[in-house]
Amino acid sequence: MTTSTLTAATDVLVVGSGPTGLALACDLARRGIAVRVLERRPAPHRESRGKGLQPEALEVLDELGAGDRIRAVGRTGIVLRKYFDGEHIGDSPSDAGILVGQWQVEEALRERLAELGVRVGHSEALVAVDQGTAGIRAELADGTSVHAAYLAGCDGGRSTTRRLLGVPLEGSTSEEEAMVLGDVQAPGLSREFWHQWFTAEGGGILLCPMPGTESFQLQAAPEKDEEGRTLPPSLEGFQRLFDRYAQVPGIRLADPTWMSSWRANSRVAARMRRGRAFLAGDAAHVHPIAGGLGITTGIRDAAALARTLAAALTGPATAEVLDAYESERLPAAAAVVADTTQRYERVVHAVRTPGRGTETGMA
């Protein structure tokens, strides 16, 4: 490791400022534990991404003092309005818990974290980790380093922390099951429902109104070219998919603020602890979109990791104390991945099978 020009110290260094990292930082800060949060992005995003919070997550957020802020901007009880070949065939309640954009969850947690005296360090990227018996030295891209008693990698499915620790993410990635997503406006389309259109040919498109915005989150199978290659998401492509599946004249999608591609992953880290370093959230487990369980699982990881780190920092940091987090959360992560994979397979089967009984709980 190269010599750093400047060093700083903290109890816990959190890498990543998504819901998991922010929840962990809030939990530690409220316990009086010194924490620093690194975020490689230059500024917070405003993308809907994962948009469902289950009651278990809200319980944790209430304890952290952020639950009411999220309820104030979120929405409960949204109804799934289903269509088949352009015809309305029925409504059903969503199982996504509270509907809220991921960026809004993060904003509420950042506000709470600031009240606790901690601010996220943007444009700060982790590039190397050196573990010793007394702590961790983390080197950043700007040449500075941070000394910490413990490190928490909460930096997503492509986690730099996990790579630096040499922990494999075991499981599978489907090259066939893909999706395009985006935040777009759809003037003239009712915002009272989560619209889900399917056709006899198979396939469909979903538009969910995101509370506190003028946008809908769009989800659909991607377009492919004549050679079967997946096309990248675009507003023009979103419109073609909408016209093909929704068959609603006069609706023109507009003002995309986020467009992304996604593949079905079912993976769990081989371990969630290596020495004084831990993994949480998507850095430790990734799974298909189904049921709004992604953010919820990450926030529950954060609560469990905060308990473990607090116990280690205030008492003997025995192997038993440090192993408690992985012992609790690794089986839980594996169970969530198995559950969401089964849910997603049912959704895919319903979408591909002609008929009027299509069910989806994707969030």
Protein backbone atom coordinates (compact mmCIF):
# COMPACT_ATOMS: atom_id res chain seq x y z
CA MET A 1 0.00 0.00 0.00
CA THR A 2 1.31 3.43 -0.88
CA THR A 3 1.99 6.06 1.73
CA SER A 4 -0.95 8.40 2.24
CA THR A 5 -0.55 12.15 2.49
CA LEU A 6 -3.08 12.53 5.30
CA THR A 7 -4.69 10.18 7.78
CA ALA A 8 -7.85 10.34 9.88
CA ALA A 9 -9.33 8.04 12.51
CA THR A 10 -12.80 6.78 13.37
CA ASP A 11 -14.45 3.84 15.10
CA VAL A 12 -16.32 2.55 12.06
CA LEU A 13 -15.77 3.37 8.40
CA VAL A 14 -18.90 2.81 6.30
CA VAL A 15 -18.40 2.47 2.55
CA GLY A 16 -21.53 3.35 0.57
CA SER A 17 -24.40 5.76 1.30
CA GLY A 18 -27.37 3.74 0.10
CA PRO A 19 -30.15 2.82 2.56
CA THR A 20 -28.01 0.13 4.23
CA GLY A 21 -24.95 2.30 4.80
CA LEU A 22 -26.97 5.30 5.96
CA ALA A 23 -29.10 3.21 8.33
CA LEU A 24 -25.95 1.66 9.80
CA ALA A 25 -24.30 5.06 10.23
CA CYS A 26 -27.41 6.47 11.94
CA ASP A 27 -27.61 3.50 14.29
CA LEU A 28 -23.95 3.80 15.26
CA ALA A 29 -24.06 7.59 15.65
CA ARG A 30 -27.09 7.48 17.93
CA ARG A 31 -25.12 5.10 20.17
CA GLY A 32 -22.29 7.61 20.42
CA ILE A 33 -19.95 5.65 18.16
CA ALA A 34 -17.70 7.65 15.83
CA VAL A 35 -18.55 6.85 12.22
CA ARG A 36 -17.45 8.10 8.81
CA VAL A 37 -19.35 7.45 5.57
CA LEU A 38 -17.64 7.29 2.16
CA GLU A 39 -19.56 7.68 -1.10
CA ARG A 40 -17.85 7.54 -4.50
CA ARG A 41 -20.66 9.49 -6.21
CA PRO A 42 -20.17 13.26 -6.29
CA ALA A 43 -23.74 13.96 -5.13
CA PRO A 44 -26.92 12.16 -4.03
CA HIS A 45 -29.02 10.61 -6.80
CA ARG A 46 -32.78 11.04 -7.37
CA GLU A 47 -33.60 7.63 -8.85
CA SER A 48 -36.56 5.54 -7.71
CA ARG A 49 -34.65 2.19 -7.85
CA GLY A 50 -35.95 -0.10 -5.07
CA LYS A 51 -39.33 1.37 -4.19
CA GLY A 52 -40.91 -0.78 -1.48
CA LEU A 53 -40.39 -0.83 2.29
CA GLN A 54 -41.83 -3.66 4.38
CA PRO A 55 -43.02 -3.14 8.00
CA GLU A 56 -39.84 -4.73 9.38
CA ALA A 57 -37.75 -1.98 7.77
CA LEU A 58 -40.04 0.77 9.06
CA GLU A 59 -39.65 -0.59 12.60
CA VAL A 60 -35.88 -0.13 12.30
CA LEU A 61 -36.27 3.32 10.74
CA ASP A 62 -38.59 4.37 13.57
CA GLU A 63 -35.89 3.43 16.08
CA LEU A 64 -33.42 5.54 14.12
CA GLY A 65 -35.75 8.54 14.05
CA ALA A 66 -36.37 8.51 10.29
CA GLY A 67 -39.63 6.56 10.01
CA ASP A 68 -42.03 9.51 10.16
CA ARG A 69 -40.12 11.40 7.47
CA ILE A 70 -40.48 8.44 5.12
CA ARG A 71 -44.17 7.97 5.87
CA ALA A 72 -44.69 11.65 5.09
CA VAL A 73 -43.46 11.20 1.51
CA GLY A 74 -44.46 7.56 0.92
CA ARG A 75 -47.74 5.96 0.02
CA THR A 76 -49.53 2.88 1.33
CA GLY A 77 -52.38 0.87 -0.12
CA ILE A 78 -51.67 1.45 -3.79
CA VAL A 79 -53.74 -0.80 -6.03
CA LEU A 80 -52.35 -2.88 -8.88
CA ARG A 81 -54.54 -2.30 -11.94
CA LYS A 82 -54.13 -5.17 -14.38
CA TYR A 83 -54.83 -5.26 -18.10
CA PHE A 84 -54.78 -8.06 -20.64
CA ASP A 85 -54.59 -7.24 -24.35
CA GLY A 86 -55.58 -3.66 -23.50
CA GLU A 87 -58.62 -4.66 -21.44
CA HIS A 88 -58.89 -3.95 -17.69
CA ILE A 89 -59.27 -7.34 -15.98
CA GLY A 90 -59.08 -6.52 -12.28
CA ASP A 91 -57.45 -4.80 -9.34
CA SER A 92 -55.55 -6.13 -6.35
CA PRO A 93 -53.59 -4.63 -3.44
CA SER A 94 -49.82 -4.35 -3.67
CA ASP A 95 -47.59 -6.28 -1.27
CA ALA A 96 -44.83 -3.67 -1.46
CA GLY A 97 -45.59 -2.22 2.00
CA ILE A 98 -45.02 1.52 1.78
CA LEU A 99 -44.31 2.80 -1.71
CA VAL A 100 -41.45 5.30 -1.67
CA GLY A 101 -38.51 6.05 -3.95
CA GLN A 102 -35.11 4.84 -2.82
CA TRP A 103 -33.73 8.37 -3.15
CA GLN A 104 -36.39 9.58 -0.68
CA VAL A 105 -35.41 6.91 1.85
CA GLU A 106 -31.79 7.97 1.51
CA GLU A 107 -32.69 11.66 1.83
CA ALA A 108 -34.57 11.01 5.08
CA LEU A 109 -31.66 9.02 6.48
CA ARG A 110 -29.11 11.67 5.42
CA GLU A 111 -31.16 14.31 7.23
CA ARG A 112 -31.28 12.19 10.37
CA LEU A 113 -27.56 11.44 10.13
CA ALA A 114 -26.78 15.17 9.85
CA GLU A 115 -28.82 15.77 13.01
CA LEU A 116 -26.56 13.24 14.70
CA GLY A 117 -23.51 15.21 13.58
CA VAL A 118 -22.36 13.09 10.64
CA ARG A 119 -22.30 14.03 6.96
CA VAL A 120 -21.62 11.81 3.97
CA GLY A 121 -18.28 12.27 2.26
CA HIS A 122 -19.04 12.44 -1.47
CA SER A 123 -16.43 11.81 -4.18
CA GLU A 124 -14.56 9.57 -1.73
CA ALA A 125 -13.69 6.17 -3.18
CA LEU A 126 -12.10 3.21 -1.41
CA VAL A 127 -9.16 1.70 -3.31
CA ALA A 128 -7.30 -0.50 -0.79
CA VAL A 129 -7.74 -2.13 2.62
CA ASP A 130 -5.02 -3.21 5.02
CA GLN A 131 -6.08 -5.14 8.13
CA GLY A 132 -4.07 -5.38 11.32
CA THR A 133 -4.70 -6.76 14.78
CA ALA A 134 -5.63 -3.32 16.12
CA GLY A 135 -7.70 -2.02 13.22
CA ILE A 136 -8.02 -1.28 9.53
CA ARG A 137 -6.29 1.22 7.27
CA ALA A 138 -8.40 2.16 4.27
CA GLU A 139 -6.76 4.01 1.39
CA LEU A 140 -8.86 6.39 -0.69
CA ALA A 141 -8.53 7.38 -4.33
CA ASP A 142 -7.33 10.88 -3.42
CA GLY A 143 -4.27 9.46 -1.63
CA THR A 144 -5.55 9.96 1.90
CA SER A 145 -6.25 7.12 4.29
CA VAL A 146 -8.61 6.40 7.16
CA HIS A 147 -7.77 4.35 10.24
CA ALA A 148 -10.79 2.58 11.72
CA ALA A 149 -11.46 -0.10 14.27
CA TYR A 150 -13.95 -1.69 11.86
CA LEU A 151 -14.99 -1.41 8.21
CA ALA A 152 -18.50 -1.95 6.81
CA GLY A 153 -18.90 -2.50 3.08
CA CYS A 154 -22.38 -1.30 2.10
CA ASP A 155 -21.45 -0.40 -1.45
CA GLY A 156 -23.89 -2.41 -3.53
CA GLY A 157 -23.90 -5.44 -5.80
CA ARG A 158 -20.65 -4.43 -7.49
CA SER A 159 -19.03 -3.83 -4.12
CA THR A 160 -15.44 -2.60 -4.17
CA THR A 161 -15.16 -3.61 -0.52
CA ARG A 162 -16.17 -7.20 -1.25
CA ARG A 163 -13.63 -7.38 -4.08
CA LEU A 164 -10.83 -5.98 -1.92
CA LEU A 165 -11.64 -8.50 0.81
CA GLY A 166 -11.56 -11.35 -1.70
CA VAL A 167 -15.05 -12.59 -0.81
CA PRO A 168 -16.89 -14.33 -3.69
CA LEU A 169 -20.54 -13.63 -4.43
CA GLU A 170 -21.85 -17.13 -5.03
CA GLY A 171 -24.88 -18.03 -7.11
CA SER A 172 -26.09 -17.37 -10.63
CA THR A 173 -26.88 -14.59 -13.08
CA SER A 174 -29.43 -15.14 -15.82
CA GLU A 175 -28.33 -13.90 -19.23
CA GLU A 176 -31.90 -14.32 -20.52
CA GLU A 177 -33.97 -12.74 -17.76
CA ALA A 178 -33.45 -9.02 -18.26
CA MET A 179 -35.41 -5.84 -17.70
CA VAL A 180 -35.25 -2.16 -18.50
CA LEU A 181 -36.26 0.35 -15.86
CA GLY A 182 -36.64 4.08 -15.74
CA ASP A 183 -38.31 7.12 -14.23
CA VAL A 184 -40.51 8.84 -16.81
CA GLN A 185 -43.53 11.08 -16.91
CA ALA A 186 -46.75 9.89 -18.57
CA PRO A 187 -49.12 12.87 -18.85
CA GLY A 188 -52.76 11.73 -18.99
CA LEU A 189 -52.20 8.39 -17.26
CA SER A 190 -53.98 8.02 -13.89
CA ARG A 191 -51.66 8.19 -10.89
CA GLU A 192 -54.15 6.37 -8.68
CA PHE A 193 -52.96 2.93 -9.79
CA TRP A 194 -49.87 0.84 -10.40
CA HIS A 195 -50.64 -0.08 -14.01
CA GLN A 196 -49.61 -3.54 -15.26
CA TRP A 197 -50.28 -4.46 -18.88
CA PHE A 198 -49.81 -7.96 -20.37
CA THR A 199 -50.67 -9.54 -23.70
CA ALA A 200 -51.49 -12.96 -25.11
CA GLU A 201 -48.17 -12.98 -26.96
CA GLY A 202 -46.37 -12.85 -23.60
CA GLY A 203 -44.51 -9.92 -22.13
CA GLY A 204 -45.75 -6.68 -20.64
CA ILE A 205 -44.99 -3.30 -19.15
CA LEU A 206 -45.52 -1.84 -15.66
CA LEU A 207 -45.85 1.82 -14.72
CA CYS A 208 -45.93 2.72 -11.03
CA PRO A 209 -46.62 6.32 -9.90
CA MET A 210 -43.85 7.43 -7.56
CA PRO A 211 -45.14 9.54 -4.66
CA GLY A 212 -43.84 13.05 -4.26
CA THR A 213 -42.93 13.27 -7.95
CA GLU A 214 -44.56 13.56 -11.37
CA SER A 215 -42.82 10.38 -12.53
CA PHE A 216 -43.74 6.75 -12.97
CA GLN A 217 -41.23 3.96 -12.54
CA LEU A 218 -41.31 1.88 -15.73
CA GLN A 219 -40.41 -1.82 -15.81
CA ALA A 220 -40.46 -3.96 -18.97
CA ALA A 221 -38.60 -6.66 -20.84
CA PRO A 222 -35.99 -4.99 -23.08
CA GLU A 223 -36.24 -4.64 -26.82
CA LYS A 224 -33.98 -6.77 -28.97
CA ASP A 225 -32.51 -6.21 -32.41
CA GLU A 226 -32.89 -8.55 -35.38
CA GLU A 227 -29.99 -10.65 -34.14
CA GLY A 228 -31.51 -11.08 -30.70
CA ARG A 229 -29.17 -8.66 -28.92
CA THR A 230 -30.63 -6.64 -26.08
CA LEU A 231 -30.99 -2.94 -26.86
CA PRO A 232 -30.01 -0.35 -24.24
CA PRO A 233 -32.85 1.60 -22.62
CA SER A 234 -33.98 4.81 -24.29
CA LEU A 235 -37.05 7.04 -24.22
CA GLU A 236 -37.89 6.00 -27.77
CA GLY A 237 -37.60 2.35 -26.77
CA PHE A 238 -39.79 2.92 -23.70
CA GLN A 239 -42.45 4.48 -25.95
CA ARG A 240 -42.36 1.54 -28.36
CA LEU A 241 -42.76 -0.91 -25.48
CA PHE A 242 -45.64 1.13 -24.06
CA ASP A 243 -47.45 1.29 -27.40
CA ARG A 244 -46.94 -2.44 -27.93
CA TYR A 245 -48.18 -3.65 -24.55
CA ALA A 246 -50.38 -0.93 -23.06
CA GLN A 247 -52.27 -0.06 -26.22
CA VAL A 248 -53.39 3.25 -24.67
CA PRO A 249 -53.66 5.95 -27.35
CA GLY A 250 -52.56 9.49 -26.66
CA ILE A 251 -50.04 8.77 -23.90
CA ARG A 252 -46.55 10.03 -24.69
CA LEU A 253 -43.79 9.22 -22.23
CA ALA A 254 -41.50 12.13 -21.45
CA ASP A 255 -38.72 13.59 -19.30
CA PRO A 256 -36.73 10.47 -18.35
CA THR A 257 -34.59 11.19 -15.28
CA TRP A 258 -33.22 7.65 -14.90
CA MET A 259 -32.85 4.72 -17.29
CA SER A 260 -31.18 1.43 -16.47
CA SER A 261 -30.88 -2.23 -17.40
CA TRP A 262 -31.13 -5.13 -14.96
CA ARG A 263 -30.47 -8.87 -15.04
CA ALA A 264 -31.85 -11.50 -12.68
CA ASN A 265 -29.21 -12.31 -10.06
CA SER A 266 -29.50 -14.81 -7.23
CA ARG A 267 -26.27 -14.54 -5.25
CA VAL A 268 -25.06 -14.54 -1.64
CA ALA A 269 -21.57 -13.70 -0.37
CA ALA A 270 -19.57 -16.68 0.83
CA ARG A 271 -19.15 -14.81 4.10
CA MET A 272 -20.24 -11.50 5.60
CA ARG A 273 -17.22 -10.99 7.83
CA ARG A 274 -13.51 -11.12 7.16
CA GLY A 275 -11.52 -10.08 10.21
CA ARG A 276 -12.55 -6.55 11.16
CA ALA A 277 -14.40 -5.96 7.89
CA PHE A 278 -18.08 -6.72 7.26
CA LEU A 279 -20.46 -6.77 4.29
CA ALA A 280 -24.11 -5.69 4.35
CA GLY A 281 -26.99 -5.05 1.95
CA ASP A 282 -26.46 -5.68 -1.76
CA ALA A 283 -22.72 -6.02 -1.15
CA ALA A 284 -23.58 -9.30 0.60
CA HIS A 285 -26.62 -10.52 -1.32
CA VAL A 286 -28.44 -9.73 -4.57
CA HIS A 287 -31.72 -11.16 -5.73
CA PRO A 288 -34.49 -10.72 -8.31
CA ILE A 289 -37.00 -7.89 -8.08
CA ALA A 290 -39.95 -9.35 -6.19
CA GLY A 291 -41.91 -8.17 -3.18
CA GLY A 292 -39.93 -5.07 -2.27
CA LEU A 293 -37.52 -7.00 -0.07
CA GLY A 294 -34.18 -5.55 -1.19
CA ILE A 295 -34.04 -2.37 0.90
CA THR A 296 -35.82 -4.08 3.79
CA THR A 297 -33.20 -6.83 3.97
CA GLY A 298 -30.35 -4.33 3.80
CA ILE A 299 -31.81 -2.19 6.58
CA ARG A 300 -32.21 -5.26 8.78
CA ASP A 301 -28.56 -6.11 8.03
CA ALA A 302 -27.65 -2.62 9.22
CA ALA A 303 -29.53 -3.01 12.50
CA ALA A 304 -27.84 -6.35 13.22
CA LEU A 305 -24.38 -5.06 12.29
CA ALA A 306 -24.82 -1.97 14.49
CA ARG A 307 -25.58 -4.24 17.47
CA THR A 308 -22.48 -6.34 16.75
CA LEU A 309 -20.15 -3.37 16.32
CA ALA A 310 -21.51 -1.61 19.40
CA ALA A 311 -20.93 -4.75 21.46
CA ALA A 312 -17.39 -5.09 20.11
CA LEU A 313 -16.53 -1.43 20.75
CA THR A 314 -17.97 -1.27 24.26
CA GLY A 315 -16.91 -4.69 25.51
CA PRO A 316 -14.54 -7.54 24.70
CA ALA A 317 -14.30 -7.93 20.91
CA THR A 318 -14.27 -11.70 21.07
CA ALA A 319 -14.71 -13.95 18.05
CA GLU A 320 -18.13 -14.90 19.40
CA VAL A 321 -19.20 -11.24 19.52
CA LEU A 322 -17.89 -10.50 16.03
CA ASP A 323 -19.38 -13.69 14.54
CA ALA A 324 -22.87 -12.85 15.83
CA TYR A 325 -23.68 -10.68 12.80
CA GLU A 326 -22.81 -13.27 10.17
CA SER A 327 -24.49 -16.04 12.16
CA GLU A 328 -27.73 -14.07 12.14
CA ARG A 329 -27.75 -12.44 8.73
CA LEU A 330 -26.12 -14.94 6.37
CA PRO A 331 -28.94 -17.52 6.75
CA ALA A 332 -31.49 -14.70 6.54
CA ALA A 333 -29.93 -13.44 3.30
CA ALA A 334 -29.92 -16.93 1.79
CA ALA A 335 -33.61 -17.33 2.68
CA VAL A 336 -34.54 -13.99 1.09
CA VAL A 337 -32.63 -14.84 -2.10
CA ALA A 338 -34.38 -18.23 -2.33
CA ASP A 339 -37.80 -16.64 -1.69
CA THR A 340 -37.42 -13.81 -4.19
CA THR A 341 -36.03 -16.17 -6.82
CA GLN A 342 -39.14 -18.33 -6.52
CA ARG A 343 -41.41 -15.29 -6.67
CA TYR A 344 -39.65 -13.97 -9.73
CA GLU A 345 -39.88 -17.32 -11.50
CA ARG A 346 -43.64 -17.32 -10.91
CA VAL A 347 -43.88 -13.80 -12.34
CA VAL A 348 -41.84 -14.76 -15.42
CA HIS A 349 -44.02 -17.81 -15.98
CA ALA A 350 -47.18 -15.70 -15.69
CA VAL A 351 -45.86 -13.05 -18.08
CA ARG A 352 -44.82 -15.62 -20.67
CA THR A 353 -47.95 -17.75 -20.43
CA PRO A 354 -50.99 -16.49 -22.35
CA GLY A 355 -53.97 -16.09 -20.02
CA ARG A 356 -55.75 -13.64 -17.75
CA GLY A 357 -54.39 -14.77 -14.40
CA THR A 358 -51.16 -12.82 -14.52
CA GLU A 359 -49.91 -11.96 -11.01
CA THR A 360 -46.91 -9.81 -10.15
CA GLY A 361 -45.57 -8.30 -6.99
CA MET A 362 -42.42 -6.79 -8.42
CA ALA A 363 -41.12 -3.79 -6.53
